[in-house]
Amino acid sequence: MKSFLSFFKKELLENKRSGKLVVMAILFVIFGIMNPLIAKLTPWILELLSDSMNDTGIIIGNIEVNAITSWVQFFKNIPIALIVFVIMYSSIYTVEYENNTLILLLSKGLKRSKVLLAKFLNLFLVWTVGYFICFVITYLYNAYYWDNSIAVGLISAIMMWYLFGVFIIGLMVLFSTISNKNTGVLLGVSTVTFMFYLVGLIPSISKFIPTTLMDVNKLLVGEISFNKFLPTLIITLILVIGSLAASIKVFNKKQL
């Protein structure tokens, strides 16, 4: 356990030194502020555009802005934050392969499974802290300007998207054990996610596909019950655990 904690602390320190933590913190804070700001400015922006749009035959009526508008913007922006997160941390393993730093650590008795779990926990914490910083900032601004209670399915929607991020982390770890290059990690994660998205377009099996967790707008306003997503949540959790189990198996056999 001591060796695991030491390696985990090393990972956090590397995050700090590389500047990745600062970049991700700034990004999540900016998005947290942007969500209500964009919602607040939407009527003003549309008013500025109304004259030119009227010339094309498009008439803009009164735009009602509330907390739902801001939360919809949250779920539009958080995928961008997740993409940046994946790009920045796609080399969390591959840089170790290139510099041969893992060989020294493993030669001192550190188990490969502990290396993998420490790196997973590192990614998990960065995503968790950043995601909920963004959520809290948006929530406080929405509470100041509007009323968050209008978003009846907010907590369920927030947790679903959060779990999707954890699923992506599972894929990152898996492909990091398979590929020696961060481009391979990016390609693997994006390919699997896109395939799940395509399969999820089939209504009869969409409730079993992790990408369905991103479709939260109807849940947000109470048009869909949370119970409808229970199969999706269970399958996603199983896939996360399966990704970690497969990662350990592949990593244990990997030639470093």
Protein backbone atom coordinates (compact mmCIF):
# COMPACT_ATOMS: atom_id res chain seq x y z
CA MET A 1 0.00 0.00 0.00
CA LYS A 2 2.90 2.32 0.79
CA SER A 3 4.38 1.85 -2.69
CA PHE A 4 0.98 2.52 -4.27
CA LEU A 5 0.54 5.79 -2.34
CA SER A 6 4.06 6.90 -3.19
CA PHE A 7 3.50 6.31 -6.90
CA PHE A 8 0.09 7.99 -6.75
CA LYS A 9 1.65 11.09 -5.10
CA LYS A 10 4.30 11.07 -7.83
CA GLU A 11 1.55 11.11 -10.47
CA LEU A 12 -0.17 14.08 -8.82
CA LEU A 13 3.13 15.92 -8.60
CA GLU A 14 3.82 15.26 -12.28
CA ASN A 15 0.39 16.68 -13.09
CA LYS A 16 1.22 19.83 -11.19
CA ARG A 17 4.66 20.23 -12.72
CA SER A 18 3.42 19.68 -16.27
CA GLY A 19 0.78 22.38 -15.87
CA LYS A 20 -2.03 20.04 -16.87
CA LEU A 21 -3.89 20.53 -13.59
CA VAL A 22 -3.82 24.30 -14.00
CA VAL A 23 -5.03 24.12 -17.59
CA MET A 24 -7.88 21.76 -16.73
CA ALA A 25 -8.87 23.83 -13.67
CA ILE A 26 -9.00 27.01 -15.75
CA LEU A 27 -11.00 25.25 -18.47
CA PHE A 28 -13.64 23.90 -16.08
CA VAL A 29 -13.93 27.26 -14.31
CA ILE A 30 -14.35 29.10 -17.62
CA PHE A 31 -17.07 26.70 -18.75
CA GLY A 32 -18.77 26.98 -15.35
CA ILE A 33 -19.00 30.75 -15.84
CA MET A 34 -19.82 30.56 -19.56
CA ASN A 35 -22.91 28.38 -19.14
CA PRO A 36 -25.08 30.99 -17.34
CA LEU A 37 -23.33 33.85 -19.14
CA ILE A 38 -24.25 32.54 -22.58
CA ALA A 39 -27.81 31.90 -21.40
CA LYS A 40 -28.04 35.42 -19.98
CA LEU A 41 -26.69 37.00 -23.17
CA THR A 42 -28.80 34.92 -25.58
CA PRO A 43 -31.77 37.38 -25.80
CA TRP A 44 -29.38 40.30 -26.31
CA ILE A 45 -27.44 38.47 -29.04
CA LEU A 46 -30.62 37.46 -30.84
CA GLU A 47 -31.90 41.04 -30.60
CA LEU A 48 -28.74 42.27 -32.31
CA LEU A 49 -29.25 39.71 -35.06
CA SER A 50 -32.99 40.24 -35.40
CA ASP A 51 -32.81 42.92 -38.11
CA SER A 52 -30.59 40.89 -40.42
CA MET A 53 -32.62 37.73 -39.77
CA ASN A 54 -35.88 39.55 -40.47
CA ASP A 55 -34.54 40.39 -43.93
CA THR A 56 -34.27 36.67 -44.63
CA GLY A 57 -37.83 36.05 -43.47
CA ILE A 58 -36.89 34.67 -40.07
CA ILE A 59 -38.80 36.38 -37.27
CA ILE A 60 -37.49 36.10 -33.75
CA GLY A 61 -40.08 36.21 -30.99
CA ASN A 62 -39.60 36.71 -27.28
CA ILE A 63 -36.90 34.42 -25.93
CA GLU A 64 -37.46 33.08 -22.43
CA VAL A 65 -34.25 32.36 -20.60
CA ASN A 66 -34.12 30.42 -17.34
CA ALA A 67 -31.97 27.89 -15.47
CA ILE A 68 -32.85 25.19 -18.02
CA THR A 69 -31.21 27.29 -20.74
CA SER A 70 -28.03 27.45 -18.71
CA TRP A 71 -28.03 23.72 -17.89
CA VAL A 72 -28.57 22.83 -21.54
CA GLN A 73 -25.52 24.97 -22.26
CA PHE A 74 -23.64 23.04 -19.54
CA PHE A 75 -24.30 19.76 -21.33
CA LYS A 76 -23.18 21.33 -24.60
CA ASN A 77 -19.89 22.55 -23.16
CA ILE A 78 -18.90 19.59 -20.99
CA PRO A 79 -18.19 17.35 -24.04
CA ILE A 80 -15.60 19.92 -25.15
CA ALA A 81 -13.99 19.78 -21.71
CA LEU A 82 -13.95 15.97 -21.89
CA ILE A 83 -12.30 16.03 -25.33
CA VAL A 84 -9.58 18.38 -24.05
CA PHE A 85 -9.15 16.13 -21.01
CA VAL A 86 -8.67 13.05 -23.20
CA ILE A 87 -6.19 14.83 -25.48
CA MET A 88 -4.12 16.19 -22.58
CA TYR A 89 -3.98 12.92 -20.67
CA SER A 90 -3.70 10.49 -23.58
CA SER A 91 0.06 10.33 -22.96
CA ILE A 92 -0.18 9.50 -19.24
CA TYR A 93 1.19 6.00 -20.00
CA THR A 94 2.92 6.44 -23.32
CA VAL A 95 5.38 9.03 -21.98
CA GLU A 96 6.46 6.39 -19.44
CA TYR A 97 7.03 3.90 -22.27
CA GLU A 98 9.09 6.40 -24.26
CA ASN A 99 11.29 7.40 -21.30
CA ASN A 100 11.55 3.86 -19.89
CA THR A 101 10.69 5.17 -16.41
CA LEU A 102 8.38 2.27 -15.56
CA ILE A 103 11.17 -0.30 -15.79
CA LEU A 104 13.01 1.30 -12.87
CA LEU A 105 9.86 1.46 -10.74
CA LEU A 106 8.89 -2.13 -11.48
CA SER A 107 12.40 -3.34 -10.75
CA LYS A 108 12.02 -1.91 -7.24
CA GLY A 109 9.04 -4.18 -6.59
CA LEU A 110 6.11 -1.96 -7.58
CA LYS A 111 3.41 -4.20 -9.02
CA ARG A 112 2.05 -3.40 -12.46
CA SER A 113 -1.54 -3.52 -11.17
CA LYS A 114 -0.68 -0.78 -8.67
CA VAL A 115 0.79 1.36 -11.43
CA LEU A 116 -2.37 0.98 -13.46
CA LEU A 117 -4.75 1.66 -10.57
CA ALA A 118 -2.73 4.71 -9.49
CA LYS A 119 -2.92 6.20 -12.97
CA PHE A 120 -6.63 5.40 -13.21
CA LEU A 121 -7.24 7.07 -9.85
CA ASN A 122 -5.25 10.09 -10.98
CA LEU A 123 -7.42 10.50 -14.09
CA PHE A 124 -10.54 9.81 -12.04
CA LEU A 125 -9.72 12.56 -9.52
CA VAL A 126 -8.88 15.15 -12.17
CA TRP A 127 -12.15 14.46 -13.99
CA THR A 128 -14.19 14.37 -10.76
CA VAL A 129 -12.83 17.59 -9.27
CA GLY A 130 -12.93 19.49 -12.56
CA TYR A 131 -16.41 18.31 -13.48
CA PHE A 132 -17.95 19.21 -10.15
CA ILE A 133 -16.15 22.57 -9.99
CA CYS A 134 -17.86 23.38 -13.27
CA PHE A 135 -21.18 22.11 -11.89
CA VAL A 136 -20.97 24.12 -8.64
CA ILE A 137 -20.07 27.36 -10.43
CA THR A 138 -22.95 26.95 -12.87
CA TYR A 139 -25.34 25.99 -10.08
CA LEU A 140 -24.47 29.06 -7.96
CA TYR A 141 -24.83 31.46 -10.88
CA ASN A 142 -28.12 29.86 -11.88
CA ALA A 143 -29.38 30.13 -8.30
CA TYR A 144 -28.49 33.83 -8.31
CA TYR A 145 -30.12 34.68 -11.64
CA TRP A 146 -32.96 32.15 -11.83
CA ASP A 147 -34.28 29.09 -9.98
CA ASN A 148 -32.56 25.72 -10.24
CA SER A 149 -35.66 23.87 -9.03
CA ILE A 150 -37.09 24.14 -12.55
CA ALA A 151 -34.51 21.52 -13.60
CA VAL A 152 -36.32 18.63 -11.92
CA GLY A 153 -33.94 15.93 -13.17
CA LEU A 154 -30.74 17.90 -12.64
CA ILE A 155 -28.94 15.60 -10.20
CA SER A 156 -29.72 12.50 -12.28
CA ALA A 157 -28.56 14.22 -15.47
CA ILE A 158 -25.36 15.44 -13.82
CA MET A 159 -24.46 12.00 -12.48
CA MET A 160 -25.18 10.32 -15.81
CA TRP A 161 -22.80 12.58 -17.72
CA TYR A 162 -20.24 12.20 -14.96
CA LEU A 163 -20.38 8.42 -15.29
CA PHE A 164 -19.92 8.71 -19.04
CA GLY A 165 -16.68 10.57 -18.33
CA VAL A 166 -15.57 7.72 -16.05
CA PHE A 167 -16.36 5.28 -18.87
CA ILE A 168 -14.10 7.30 -21.19
CA ILE A 169 -11.34 7.15 -18.56
CA GLY A 170 -11.69 3.36 -18.55
CA LEU A 171 -11.17 3.35 -22.31
CA MET A 172 -8.16 5.67 -21.97
CA VAL A 173 -6.50 3.31 -19.52
CA LEU A 174 -7.29 0.26 -21.66
CA PHE A 175 -5.87 1.70 -24.87
CA SER A 176 -2.88 3.11 -22.97
CA THR A 177 -1.91 -0.47 -22.10
CA ILE A 178 -2.42 -1.58 -25.71
CA SER A 179 -0.73 1.25 -27.60
CA ASN A 180 2.74 2.74 -27.09
CA LYS A 181 1.72 6.07 -28.65
CA ASN A 182 -0.80 8.64 -27.49
CA THR A 183 -2.16 8.80 -31.04
CA GLY A 184 -3.12 5.14 -30.65
CA VAL A 185 -4.91 5.97 -27.40
CA LEU A 186 -6.81 8.83 -29.01
CA LEU A 187 -7.72 6.71 -32.03
CA GLY A 188 -8.87 3.80 -29.87
CA VAL A 189 -11.02 5.92 -27.54
CA SER A 190 -12.60 7.93 -30.36
CA THR A 191 -13.27 4.83 -32.50
CA VAL A 192 -14.97 2.88 -29.70
CA THR A 193 -17.00 5.91 -28.63
CA PHE A 194 -18.13 6.57 -32.19
CA MET A 195 -19.08 2.92 -32.67
CA PHE A 196 -21.14 2.99 -29.47
CA TYR A 197 -22.79 6.19 -30.69
CA LEU A 198 -23.78 4.60 -34.00
CA VAL A 199 -25.13 1.48 -32.30
CA GLY A 200 -26.98 3.69 -29.83
CA LEU A 201 -29.00 5.16 -32.69
CA ILE A 202 -30.91 1.86 -32.84
CA PRO A 203 -33.87 2.44 -30.48
CA SER A 204 -34.25 -1.18 -29.41
CA ILE A 205 -30.73 -1.40 -27.94
CA SER A 206 -29.94 2.25 -27.12
CA LYS A 207 -30.71 1.72 -23.43
CA PHE A 208 -27.73 -0.64 -23.19
CA ILE A 209 -25.21 1.74 -24.78
CA PRO A 210 -23.00 4.08 -22.67
CA THR A 211 -23.28 7.00 -25.12
CA THR A 212 -26.99 7.18 -24.22
CA LEU A 213 -25.82 8.76 -20.95
CA MET A 214 -25.06 11.94 -22.90
CA ASP A 215 -28.71 12.37 -23.93
CA VAL A 216 -29.94 14.05 -20.75
CA ASN A 217 -32.00 17.04 -21.89
CA LYS A 218 -35.36 15.28 -21.60
CA LEU A 219 -34.36 13.90 -18.22
CA LEU A 220 -33.37 17.40 -17.15
CA VAL A 221 -36.91 18.75 -17.64
CA GLY A 222 -38.67 15.65 -16.36
CA GLU A 223 -39.95 14.35 -19.70
CA ILE A 224 -38.19 11.02 -19.12
CA SER A 225 -37.94 9.03 -15.89
CA PHE A 226 -34.52 8.26 -14.44
CA ASN A 227 -35.52 4.58 -14.20
CA LYS A 228 -35.36 4.37 -17.99
CA PHE A 229 -31.59 4.79 -17.79
CA LEU A 230 -30.94 2.19 -15.10
CA PRO A 231 -29.92 -0.52 -17.65
CA THR A 232 -27.54 1.99 -19.24
CA LEU A 233 -25.99 2.85 -15.90
CA ILE A 234 -25.50 -0.80 -14.96
CA ILE A 235 -23.99 -1.72 -18.33
CA THR A 236 -21.66 1.31 -18.20
CA LEU A 237 -20.41 0.40 -14.73
CA ILE A 238 -19.79 -3.16 -15.90
CA LEU A 239 -17.85 -1.85 -18.91
CA VAL A 240 -15.71 0.40 -16.67
CA ILE A 241 -14.84 -2.52 -14.41
CA GLY A 242 -14.29 -4.73 -17.46
CA SER A 243 -11.96 -2.13 -18.99
CA LEU A 244 -9.87 -2.04 -15.82
CA ALA A 245 -9.74 -5.84 -15.58
CA ALA A 246 -8.71 -6.12 -19.24
CA SER A 247 -6.15 -3.34 -18.77
CA ILE A 248 -4.50 -5.16 -15.88
CA LYS A 249 -4.37 -8.39 -17.88
CA VAL A 250 -2.85 -6.68 -20.95
CA PHE A 251 -0.44 -4.57 -18.90
CA ASN A 252 0.85 -7.58 -16.98
CA LYS A 253 1.86 -9.20 -20.29
CA LYS A 254 3.14 -6.03 -21.95
CA GLN A 255 6.80 -5.87 -22.95
CA LEU A 256 8.26 -2.63 -21.63
